[in-house]
Amino acid sequence: MTEYTWPNGVGDPTPEDIRRAWSATVAALPVGTAVTGKVIGRQPFGVFVEIDGVPDAVGLAEIFGSPSGTVPPPLGFAISGSVVDHAEHNFQVRLRLDDWGDERVPLPLAPNERLRTARP
Protein backbone atom coordinates (compact mmCIF):
# COMPACT_ATOMS: atom_id res chain seq x y z
CA MET A 1 0.00 0.00 0.00
CA THR A 2 1.44 3.37 -0.88
CA GLU A 3 -0.64 5.96 0.99
CA TYR A 4 0.08 4.92 4.57
CA THR A 5 2.38 2.57 6.35
CA TRP A 6 0.13 -0.38 6.94
CA PRO A 7 0.48 -2.55 10.00
CA ASN A 8 2.10 -5.69 8.70
CA GLY A 9 2.93 -7.75 11.74
CA VAL A 10 2.38 -11.47 11.82
CA GLY A 11 -1.34 -12.12 11.50
CA ASP A 12 -2.31 -8.65 10.27
CA PRO A 13 -4.43 -8.63 7.11
CA THR A 14 -2.58 -7.86 3.90
CA PRO A 15 -3.69 -4.99 1.66
CA GLU A 16 -5.15 -7.60 -0.71
CA ASP A 17 -7.11 -9.23 2.14
CA ILE A 18 -8.50 -5.80 3.07
CA ARG A 19 -9.49 -4.97 -0.54
CA ARG A 20 -11.11 -8.37 -1.08
CA ALA A 21 -13.18 -8.08 2.13
CA TRP A 22 -14.17 -4.42 1.67
CA SER A 23 -17.85 -5.00 0.78
CA ALA A 24 -18.30 -7.35 3.74
CA THR A 25 -16.47 -4.89 6.01
CA VAL A 26 -18.75 -1.99 5.06
CA ALA A 27 -21.82 -4.20 5.54
CA ALA A 28 -20.61 -5.39 8.96
CA LEU A 29 -19.60 -1.91 10.16
CA PRO A 30 -22.15 0.72 9.11
CA VAL A 31 -21.65 4.30 10.27
CA GLY A 32 -22.58 4.56 13.93
CA THR A 33 -21.55 1.02 14.84
CA ALA A 34 -19.82 0.70 18.21
CA VAL A 35 -16.45 -1.07 17.92
CA THR A 36 -13.66 -2.35 20.11
CA GLY A 37 -10.19 -3.39 19.11
CA LYS A 38 -6.51 -2.75 19.66
CA VAL A 39 -3.90 -0.42 18.28
CA ILE A 40 -1.67 -2.21 15.74
CA GLY A 41 0.08 0.78 14.20
CA ARG A 42 0.94 4.35 15.27
CA GLN A 43 1.69 7.40 13.23
CA PRO A 44 1.82 11.07 14.29
CA PHE A 45 -1.65 11.62 12.73
CA GLY A 46 -3.39 8.75 14.54
CA VAL A 47 -3.57 5.01 14.98
CA PHE A 48 -4.42 1.95 12.94
CA VAL A 49 -6.80 -0.40 14.72
CA GLU A 50 -7.52 -4.12 14.49
CA ILE A 51 -11.31 -4.19 14.87
CA ASP A 52 -12.68 -7.03 16.99
CA GLY A 53 -14.88 -9.47 15.07
CA VAL A 54 -13.93 -8.18 11.60
CA PRO A 55 -10.54 -9.76 10.92
CA ASP A 56 -9.86 -8.23 7.49
CA ALA A 57 -10.82 -4.68 8.45
CA VAL A 58 -8.37 -1.94 9.37
CA GLY A 59 -9.64 1.07 11.28
CA LEU A 60 -8.00 4.48 11.34
CA ALA A 61 -8.59 6.87 14.20
CA GLU A 62 -7.11 10.25 13.38
CA ILE A 63 -5.86 12.51 16.12
CA PHE A 64 -7.25 15.63 14.41
CA GLY A 65 -10.15 17.09 16.35
CA SER A 66 -9.14 15.33 19.57
CA PRO A 67 -8.54 17.24 22.80
CA SER A 68 -5.50 19.51 22.81
CA GLY A 69 -2.34 17.64 23.76
CA THR A 70 -3.67 14.26 22.66
CA VAL A 71 -1.07 11.84 21.37
CA PRO A 72 -1.68 8.49 19.69
CA PRO A 73 -2.17 5.68 22.21
CA PRO A 74 0.54 3.03 22.45
CA LEU A 75 0.67 -0.20 20.50
CA GLY A 76 -1.57 -2.87 21.95
CA PHE A 77 -3.85 -0.28 23.61
CA ALA A 78 -7.44 -1.57 23.81
CA ILE A 79 -9.81 0.95 22.22
CA SER A 80 -13.52 1.52 22.02
CA GLY A 81 -15.24 3.91 19.69
CA SER A 82 -17.58 4.13 16.74
CA VAL A 83 -17.50 4.06 12.96
CA VAL A 84 -17.79 7.55 11.46
CA ASP A 85 -17.01 6.90 7.79
CA HIS A 86 -15.68 4.47 5.19
CA ALA A 87 -12.71 5.55 3.06
CA GLU A 88 -13.27 3.68 -0.19
CA HIS A 89 -10.07 4.98 -1.79
CA ASN A 90 -7.83 3.18 0.73
CA PHE A 91 -10.27 0.66 2.25
CA GLN A 92 -10.15 2.07 5.78
CA VAL A 93 -12.87 2.23 8.37
CA ARG A 94 -12.69 5.69 9.94
CA LEU A 95 -13.17 5.64 13.70
CA ARG A 96 -13.86 8.08 16.50
CA LEU A 97 -12.35 6.78 19.73
CA ASP A 98 -14.09 7.11 23.08
CA ASP A 99 -10.73 7.16 24.88
CA TRP A 100 -7.29 8.20 23.69
CA GLY A 101 -5.71 7.03 26.95
CA ASP A 102 -4.29 9.15 29.71
CA GLU A 103 -1.07 10.13 27.97
CA ARG A 104 -0.72 13.82 27.22
CA VAL A 105 2.97 13.90 26.36
CA PRO A 106 4.36 12.55 23.09
CA LEU A 107 5.37 8.92 23.20
CA PRO A 108 8.55 7.78 21.46
CA LEU A 109 7.60 6.92 17.89
CA ALA A 110 10.03 5.11 15.69
CA PRO A 111 9.48 5.41 11.93
CA ASN A 112 6.90 2.89 10.76
CA GLU A 113 6.34 1.59 14.30
CA ARG A 114 3.83 -1.23 14.50
CA LEU A 115 2.84 -4.19 16.63
CA ARG A 116 4.37 -7.48 15.50
CA THR A 117 2.43 -10.18 17.32
CA ALA A 118 0.14 -12.90 16.09
CA ARG A 119 -3.63 -12.62 16.50
CA PRO A 120 -5.24 -15.06 18.92
C-alpha atoms as a PDB file:
ATOM      1  CA  MET A   1       0.000   0.000   0.000  1.00  0.00           C
ATOM      2  CA  THR A   2       1.444   3.370  -0.881  1.00  0.00           C
ATOM      3  CA  GLU A   3      -0.641   5.963   0.986  1.00  0.00           C
ATOM      4  CA  TYR A   4       0.078   4.923   4.574  1.00  0.00           C
ATOM      5  CA  THR A   5       2.380   2.573   6.350  1.00  0.00           C
ATOM      6  CA  TRP A   6       0.128  -0.382   6.941  1.00  0.00           C
ATOM      7  CA  PRO A   7       0.476  -2.545   9.996  1.00  0.00           C
ATOM      8  CA  ASN A   8       2.103  -5.687   8.702  1.00  0.00           C
ATOM      9  CA  GLY A   9       2.925  -7.748  11.740  1.00  0.00           C
ATOM     10  CA  VAL A  10       2.378 -11.473  11.818  1.00  0.00           C
ATOM     11  CA  GLY A  11      -1.338 -12.120  11.501  1.00  0.00           C
ATOM     12  CA  ASP A  12      -2.308  -8.645  10.275  1.00  0.00           C
ATOM     13  CA  PRO A  13      -4.432  -8.628   7.108  1.00  0.00           C
ATOM     14  CA  THR A  14      -2.581  -7.862   3.899  1.00  0.00           C
ATOM     15  CA  PRO A  15      -3.690  -4.986   1.663  1.00  0.00           C
ATOM     16  CA  GLU A  16      -5.148  -7.605  -0.709  1.00  0.00           C
ATOM     17  CA  ASP A  17      -7.114  -9.232   2.142  1.00  0.00           C
ATOM     18  CA  ILE A  18      -8.503  -5.802   3.065  1.00  0.00           C
ATOM     19  CA  ARG A  19      -9.492  -4.968  -0.537  1.00  0.00           C
ATOM     20  CA  ARG A  20     -11.114  -8.370  -1.082  1.00  0.00           C
ATOM     21  CA  ALA A  21     -13.179  -8.079   2.127  1.00  0.00           C
ATOM     22  CA  TRP A  22     -14.174  -4.421   1.672  1.00  0.00           C
ATOM     23  CA  SER A  23     -17.850  -4.996   0.781  1.00  0.00           C
ATOM     24  CA  ALA A  24     -18.303  -7.345   3.742  1.00  0.00           C
ATOM     25  CA  THR A  25     -16.466  -4.887   6.009  1.00  0.00           C
ATOM     26  CA  VAL A  26     -18.754  -1.991   5.061  1.00  0.00           C
ATOM     27  CA  ALA A  27     -21.822  -4.202   5.542  1.00  0.00           C
ATOM     28  CA  ALA A  28     -20.612  -5.387   8.963  1.00  0.00           C
ATOM     29  CA  LEU A  29     -19.599  -1.912  10.160  1.00  0.00           C
ATOM     30  CA  PRO A  30     -22.146   0.718   9.113  1.00  0.00           C
ATOM     31  CA  VAL A  31     -21.650   4.302  10.275  1.00  0.00           C
ATOM     32  CA  GLY A  32     -22.577   4.564  13.932  1.00  0.00           C
ATOM     33  CA  THR A  33     -21.550   1.016  14.839  1.00  0.00           C
ATOM     34  CA  ALA A  34     -19.816   0.705  18.211  1.00  0.00           C
ATOM     35  CA  VAL A  35     -16.451  -1.066  17.920  1.00  0.00           C
ATOM     36  CA  THR A  36     -13.663  -2.351  20.109  1.00  0.00           C
ATOM     37  CA  GLY A  37     -10.187  -3.393  19.111  1.00  0.00           C
ATOM     38  CA  LYS A  38      -6.514  -2.749  19.664  1.00  0.00           C
ATOM     39  CA  VAL A  39      -3.897  -0.418  18.275  1.00  0.00           C
ATOM     40  CA  ILE A  40      -1.674  -2.207  15.744  1.00  0.00           C
ATOM     41  CA  GLY A  41       0.084   0.781  14.205  1.00  0.00           C
ATOM     42  CA  ARG A  42       0.939   4.346  15.268  1.00  0.00           C
ATOM     43  CA  GLN A  43       1.692   7.402  13.235  1.00  0.00           C
ATOM     44  CA  PRO A  44       1.825  11.067  14.292  1.00  0.00           C
ATOM     45  CA  PHE A  45      -1.645  11.615  12.733  1.00  0.00           C
ATOM     46  CA  GLY A  46      -3.387   8.749  14.540  1.00  0.00           C
ATOM     47  CA  VAL A  47      -3.573   5.006  14.977  1.00  0.00           C
ATOM     48  CA  PHE A  48      -4.423   1.947  12.939  1.00  0.00           C
ATOM     49  CA  VAL A  49      -6.803  -0.404  14.717  1.00  0.00           C
ATOM     50  CA  GLU A  50      -7.520  -4.119  14.488  1.00  0.00           C
ATOM     51  CA  ILE A  51     -11.312  -4.195  14.866  1.00  0.00           C
ATOM     52  CA  ASP A  52     -12.679  -7.034  16.988  1.00  0.00           C
ATOM     53  CA  GLY A  53     -14.881  -9.472  15.068  1.00  0.00           C
ATOM     54  CA  VAL A  54     -13.934  -8.184  11.603  1.00  0.00           C
ATOM     55  CA  PRO A  55     -10.538  -9.764  10.915  1.00  0.00           C
ATOM     56  CA  ASP A  56      -9.857  -8.232   7.492  1.00  0.00           C
ATOM     57  CA  ALA A  57     -10.817  -4.675   8.453  1.00  0.00           C
ATOM     58  CA  VAL A  58      -8.375  -1.937   9.373  1.00  0.00           C
ATOM     59  CA  GLY A  59      -9.639   1.066  11.279  1.00  0.00           C
ATOM     60  CA  LEU A  60      -8.002   4.482  11.337  1.00  0.00           C
ATOM     61  CA  ALA A  61      -8.590   6.872  14.204  1.00  0.00           C
ATOM     62  CA  GLU A  62      -7.108  10.248  13.380  1.00  0.00           C
ATOM     63  CA  ILE A  63      -5.861  12.513  16.123  1.00  0.00           C
ATOM     64  CA  PHE A  64      -7.247  15.628  14.405  1.00  0.00           C
ATOM     65  CA  GLY A  65     -10.150  17.088  16.354  1.00  0.00           C
ATOM     66  CA  SER A  66      -9.142  15.329  19.571  1.00  0.00           C
ATOM     67  CA  PRO A  67      -8.545  17.235  22.800  1.00  0.00           C
ATOM     68  CA  SER A  68      -5.496  19.505  22.806  1.00  0.00           C
ATOM     69  CA  GLY A  69      -2.336  17.643  23.761  1.00  0.00           C
ATOM     70  CA  THR A  70      -3.673  14.263  22.657  1.00  0.00           C
ATOM     71  CA  VAL A  71      -1.072  11.837  21.373  1.00  0.00           C
ATOM     72  CA  PRO A  72      -1.679   8.489  19.690  1.00  0.00           C
ATOM     73  CA  PRO A  73      -2.173   5.683  22.209  1.00  0.00           C
ATOM     74  CA  PRO A  74       0.537   3.028  22.452  1.00  0.00           C
ATOM     75  CA  LEU A  75       0.668  -0.203  20.502  1.00  0.00           C
ATOM     76  CA  GLY A  76      -1.569  -2.875  21.954  1.00  0.00           C
ATOM     77  CA  PHE A  77      -3.852  -0.283  23.613  1.00  0.00           C
ATOM     78  CA  ALA A  78      -7.442  -1.571  23.809  1.00  0.00           C
ATOM     79  CA  ILE A  79      -9.808   0.946  22.221  1.00  0.00           C
ATOM     80  CA  SER A  80     -13.520   1.525  22.021  1.00  0.00           C
ATOM     81  CA  GLY A  81     -15.238   3.909  19.686  1.00  0.00           C
ATOM     82  CA  SER A  82     -17.582   4.132  16.744  1.00  0.00           C
ATOM     83  CA  VAL A  83     -17.503   4.065  12.961  1.00  0.00           C
ATOM     84  CA  VAL A  84     -17.786   7.553  11.463  1.00  0.00           C
ATOM     85  CA  ASP A  85     -17.008   6.900   7.791  1.00  0.00           C
ATOM     86  CA  HIS A  86     -15.677   4.468   5.194  1.00  0.00           C
ATOM     87  CA  ALA A  87     -12.711   5.552   3.061  1.00  0.00           C
ATOM     88  CA  GLU A  88     -13.273   3.676  -0.191  1.00  0.00           C
ATOM     89  CA  HIS A  89     -10.066   4.976  -1.793  1.00  0.00           C
ATOM     90  CA  ASN A  90      -7.834   3.176   0.725  1.00  0.00           C
ATOM     91  CA  PHE A  91     -10.275   0.664   2.248  1.00  0.00           C
ATOM     92  CA  GLN A  92     -10.152   2.065   5.775  1.00  0.00           C
ATOM     93  CA  VAL A  93     -12.874   2.230   8.370  1.00  0.00           C
ATOM     94  CA  ARG A  94     -12.685   5.693   9.942  1.00  0.00           C
ATOM     95  CA  LEU A  95     -13.168   5.635  13.697  1.00  0.00           C
ATOM     96  CA  ARG A  96     -13.858   8.082  16.505  1.00  0.00           C
ATOM     97  CA  LEU A  97     -12.346   6.775  19.731  1.00  0.00           C
ATOM     98  CA  ASP A  98     -14.089   7.107  23.076  1.00  0.00           C
ATOM     99  CA  ASP A  99     -10.735   7.158  24.879  1.00  0.00           C
ATOM    100  CA  TRP A 100      -7.293   8.203  23.689  1.00  0.00           C
ATOM    101  CA  GLY A 101      -5.706   7.028  26.953  1.00  0.00           C
ATOM    102  CA  ASP A 102      -4.288   9.150  29.713  1.00  0.00           C
ATOM    103  CA  GLU A 103      -1.072  10.133  27.969  1.00  0.00           C
ATOM    104  CA  ARG A 104      -0.718  13.821  27.224  1.00  0.00           C
ATOM    105  CA  VAL A 105       2.972  13.899  26.365  1.00  0.00           C
ATOM    106  CA  PRO A 106       4.355  12.554  23.086  1.00  0.00           C
ATOM    107  CA  LEU A 107       5.369   8.922  23.205  1.00  0.00           C
ATOM    108  CA  PRO A 108       8.549   7.781  21.456  1.00  0.00           C
ATOM    109  CA  LEU A 109       7.600   6.917  17.894  1.00  0.00           C
ATOM    110  CA  ALA A 110      10.032   5.110  15.686  1.00  0.00           C
ATOM    111  CA  PRO A 111       9.482   5.414  11.927  1.00  0.00           C
ATOM    112  CA  ASN A 112       6.899   2.885  10.760  1.00  0.00           C
ATOM    113  CA  GLU A 113       6.341   1.590  14.302  1.00  0.00           C
ATOM    114  CA  ARG A 114       3.830  -1.235  14.504  1.00  0.00           C
ATOM    115  CA  LEU A 115       2.844  -4.191  16.634  1.00  0.00           C
ATOM    116  CA  ARG A 116       4.373  -7.476  15.502  1.00  0.00           C
ATOM    117  CA  THR A 117       2.431 -10.182  17.315  1.00  0.00           C
ATOM    118  CA  ALA A 118       0.137 -12.896  16.091  1.00  0.00           C
ATOM    119  CA  ARG A 119      -3.629 -12.617  16.498  1.00  0.00           C
ATOM    120  CA  PRO A 120      -5.242 -15.065  18.918  1.00  0.00           C
END
